[in-house]
Amino acid sequence: MASINYYYTKSVLETVSVDPTLFKRELQKASRSLLPYEIQHLSKWLYSFTINKPELKKCIEEVDLSIAN
């Protein structure tokens, strides 16, 4: 089960998705604060969330979501 931190992170990412710089910064924070299984769930969510947002897909590629803590 995902934590409150996971749902908060998704909410923040949705909010800042209008600015790729902020989006990337929040992704970096997520990679440090979420548990490994939460990062896996977030990665799946990010794929569907950014399907029509190439400027955000670029941010995801620049942030290594495979490392946590």
N, C-alpha and C. Protein backbone atom coordinates (compact mmCIF):
# COMPACT_ATOMS: atom_id res chain seq x y z
N MET A 1 0.84 -1.19 0.00
CA MET A 1 0.00 0.00 0.00
C MET A 1 0.88 1.25 0.00
N ALA A 2 0.51 2.19 -0.82
CA ALA A 2 1.29 3.42 -0.94
C ALA A 2 1.03 4.33 0.26
N SER A 3 2.04 5.11 0.58
CA SER A 3 1.95 6.00 1.72
C SER A 3 1.32 7.34 1.33
N ILE A 4 1.06 8.12 2.35
CA ILE A 4 0.53 9.47 2.13
C ILE A 4 1.54 10.29 1.33
N ASN A 5 2.81 10.05 1.58
CA ASN A 5 3.87 10.76 0.87
C ASN A 5 3.79 10.51 -0.64
N TYR A 6 3.46 9.29 -1.02
CA TYR A 6 3.31 8.94 -2.44
C TYR A 6 2.18 9.76 -3.07
N TYR A 7 1.03 9.77 -2.42
CA TYR A 7 -0.12 10.50 -2.96
C TYR A 7 0.13 12.01 -2.97
N TYR A 8 0.84 12.48 -1.97
CA TYR A 8 1.20 13.90 -1.93
C TYR A 8 2.13 14.22 -3.10
N THR A 9 3.09 13.36 -3.35
CA THR A 9 4.03 13.57 -4.46
C THR A 9 3.30 13.63 -5.79
N LYS A 10 2.35 12.71 -6.01
CA LYS A 10 1.57 12.74 -7.24
C LYS A 10 0.80 14.04 -7.37
N SER A 11 0.22 14.49 -6.28
CA SER A 11 -0.55 15.74 -6.29
C SER A 11 0.35 16.93 -6.65
N VAL A 12 1.52 16.97 -6.06
CA VAL A 12 2.46 18.06 -6.34
C VAL A 12 2.90 18.01 -7.80
N LEU A 13 3.19 16.82 -8.31
CA LEU A 13 3.62 16.69 -9.70
C LEU A 13 2.53 17.14 -10.67
N GLU A 14 1.31 16.82 -10.36
CA GLU A 14 0.20 17.29 -11.20
C GLU A 14 0.13 18.82 -11.17
N THR A 15 0.31 19.39 -10.00
CA THR A 15 0.21 20.85 -9.85
C THR A 15 1.33 21.58 -10.59
N VAL A 16 2.54 21.07 -10.49
CA VAL A 16 3.69 21.77 -11.10
C VAL A 16 3.95 21.34 -12.55
N SER A 17 3.09 20.53 -13.10
CA SER A 17 3.33 20.02 -14.46
C SER A 17 3.30 21.11 -15.53
N VAL A 18 2.87 22.30 -15.19
CA VAL A 18 2.88 23.40 -16.15
C VAL A 18 4.28 23.98 -16.33
N ASP A 19 5.19 23.66 -15.40
CA ASP A 19 6.56 24.17 -15.45
C ASP A 19 7.54 23.00 -15.40
N PRO A 20 8.18 22.66 -16.52
CA PRO A 20 9.10 21.52 -16.54
C PRO A 20 10.24 21.60 -15.51
N THR A 21 10.72 22.79 -15.23
CA THR A 21 11.80 22.94 -14.25
C THR A 21 11.33 22.53 -12.85
N LEU A 22 10.16 22.99 -12.46
CA LEU A 22 9.62 22.59 -11.16
C LEU A 22 9.28 21.10 -11.14
N PHE A 23 8.77 20.61 -12.24
CA PHE A 23 8.43 19.20 -12.35
C PHE A 23 9.67 18.33 -12.12
N LYS A 24 10.76 18.70 -12.76
CA LYS A 24 12.02 17.96 -12.60
C LYS A 24 12.51 18.03 -11.16
N ARG A 25 12.42 19.18 -10.54
CA ARG A 25 12.85 19.35 -9.15
C ARG A 25 12.03 18.45 -8.22
N GLU A 26 10.73 18.39 -8.45
CA GLU A 26 9.87 17.54 -7.62
C GLU A 26 10.15 16.05 -7.87
N LEU A 27 10.48 15.70 -9.08
CA LEU A 27 10.86 14.31 -9.37
C LEU A 27 12.13 13.93 -8.62
N GLN A 28 13.07 14.86 -8.56
CA GLN A 28 14.31 14.60 -7.83
C GLN A 28 14.02 14.40 -6.35
N LYS A 29 13.13 15.21 -5.79
CA LYS A 29 12.74 15.04 -4.39
C LYS A 29 12.09 13.68 -4.18
N ALA A 30 11.23 13.30 -5.10
CA ALA A 30 10.54 12.01 -5.00
C ALA A 30 11.53 10.85 -5.01
N SER A 31 12.55 10.95 -5.83
CA SER A 31 13.53 9.86 -5.92
C SER A 31 14.28 9.67 -4.61
N ARG A 32 14.35 10.72 -3.79
CA ARG A 32 15.03 10.64 -2.50
C ARG A 32 14.10 10.27 -1.35
N SER A 33 12.81 10.55 -1.50
CA SER A 33 11.92 10.39 -0.35
C SER A 33 10.98 9.18 -0.42
N LEU A 34 10.73 8.67 -1.61
CA LEU A 34 9.80 7.55 -1.73
C LEU A 34 10.51 6.21 -1.57
N LEU A 35 9.76 5.22 -1.14
CA LEU A 35 10.27 3.86 -1.02
C LEU A 35 10.38 3.25 -2.42
N PRO A 36 11.22 2.24 -2.58
CA PRO A 36 11.42 1.65 -3.92
C PRO A 36 10.13 1.20 -4.60
N TYR A 37 9.22 0.56 -3.88
CA TYR A 37 7.98 0.12 -4.52
C TYR A 37 7.09 1.31 -4.89
N GLU A 38 7.20 2.40 -4.13
CA GLU A 38 6.43 3.60 -4.47
C GLU A 38 6.99 4.25 -5.72
N ILE A 39 8.29 4.19 -5.90
CA ILE A 39 8.91 4.73 -7.10
C ILE A 39 8.47 3.93 -8.32
N GLN A 40 8.33 2.62 -8.17
CA GLN A 40 7.83 1.80 -9.27
C GLN A 40 6.42 2.21 -9.65
N HIS A 41 5.57 2.40 -8.66
CA HIS A 41 4.19 2.84 -8.93
C HIS A 41 4.19 4.23 -9.57
N LEU A 42 5.04 5.10 -9.06
CA LEU A 42 5.12 6.46 -9.60
C LEU A 42 5.58 6.42 -11.06
N SER A 43 6.53 5.56 -11.36
CA SER A 43 7.03 5.45 -12.74
C SER A 43 5.91 5.04 -13.70
N LYS A 44 5.09 4.10 -13.27
CA LYS A 44 3.96 3.68 -14.10
C LYS A 44 2.96 4.82 -14.28
N TRP A 45 2.70 5.52 -13.19
CA TRP A 45 1.77 6.65 -13.26
C TRP A 45 2.34 7.75 -14.16
N LEU A 46 3.63 8.02 -14.03
CA LEU A 46 4.27 9.06 -14.86
C LEU A 46 4.17 8.73 -16.34
N TYR A 47 4.31 7.47 -16.68
CA TYR A 47 4.21 7.08 -18.08
C TYR A 47 2.85 7.48 -18.65
N SER A 48 1.79 7.16 -17.94
CA SER A 48 0.45 7.50 -18.45
C SER A 48 0.17 9.00 -18.34
N PHE A 49 0.67 9.64 -17.29
CA PHE A 49 0.43 11.07 -17.10
C PHE A 49 1.11 11.92 -18.16
N THR A 50 2.27 11.49 -18.62
CA THR A 50 3.06 12.30 -19.56
C THR A 50 2.95 11.82 -21.00
N ILE A 51 2.02 10.97 -21.28
CA ILE A 51 1.92 10.38 -22.62
C ILE A 51 1.82 11.44 -23.72
N ASN A 52 1.16 12.55 -23.45
CA ASN A 52 1.03 13.63 -24.43
C ASN A 52 1.76 14.90 -24.00
N LYS A 53 2.78 14.73 -23.18
CA LYS A 53 3.54 15.89 -22.67
C LYS A 53 5.04 15.65 -22.85
N PRO A 54 5.54 15.83 -24.06
CA PRO A 54 6.95 15.53 -24.32
C PRO A 54 7.93 16.35 -23.49
N GLU A 55 7.54 17.55 -23.11
CA GLU A 55 8.45 18.39 -22.31
C GLU A 55 8.64 17.79 -20.91
N LEU A 56 7.64 17.07 -20.42
CA LEU A 56 7.76 16.42 -19.11
C LEU A 56 8.46 15.06 -19.24
N LYS A 57 8.27 14.38 -20.34
CA LYS A 57 8.96 13.11 -20.56
C LYS A 57 10.48 13.33 -20.54
N LYS A 58 10.91 14.45 -21.07
CA LYS A 58 12.33 14.78 -21.07
C LYS A 58 12.85 14.89 -19.64
N CYS A 59 12.05 15.50 -18.77
CA CYS A 59 12.44 15.64 -17.36
C CYS A 59 12.58 14.27 -16.70
N ILE A 60 11.67 13.37 -17.02
CA ILE A 60 11.71 12.03 -16.43
C ILE A 60 12.99 11.31 -16.86
N GLU A 61 13.37 11.48 -18.11
CA GLU A 61 14.58 10.85 -18.61
C GLU A 61 15.82 11.40 -17.92
N GLU A 62 15.78 12.65 -17.51
CA GLU A 62 16.93 13.29 -16.87
C GLU A 62 17.07 12.92 -15.39
N VAL A 63 15.99 12.46 -14.79
CA VAL A 63 16.01 12.10 -13.37
C VAL A 63 16.02 10.58 -13.25
N ASP A 64 16.96 10.07 -12.50
CA ASP A 64 17.07 8.62 -12.31
C ASP A 64 16.12 8.20 -11.18
N LEU A 65 14.98 7.64 -11.55
CA LEU A 65 14.00 7.21 -10.56
C LEU A 65 14.29 5.79 -10.06
N SER A 66 15.37 5.19 -10.49
CA SER A 66 15.66 3.84 -10.05
C SER A 66 16.35 3.82 -8.69
N ILE A 67 16.86 4.97 -8.25
CA ILE A 67 17.51 5.01 -6.94
C ILE A 67 16.62 5.71 -5.93
N ALA A 68 16.52 5.12 -4.80
CA ALA A 68 15.73 5.72 -3.72
C ALA A 68 16.57 5.70 -2.45
N ASN A 69 16.52 6.84 -1.76
CA ASN A 69 17.25 6.99 -0.48
C ASN A 69 18.69 6.80 -0.73
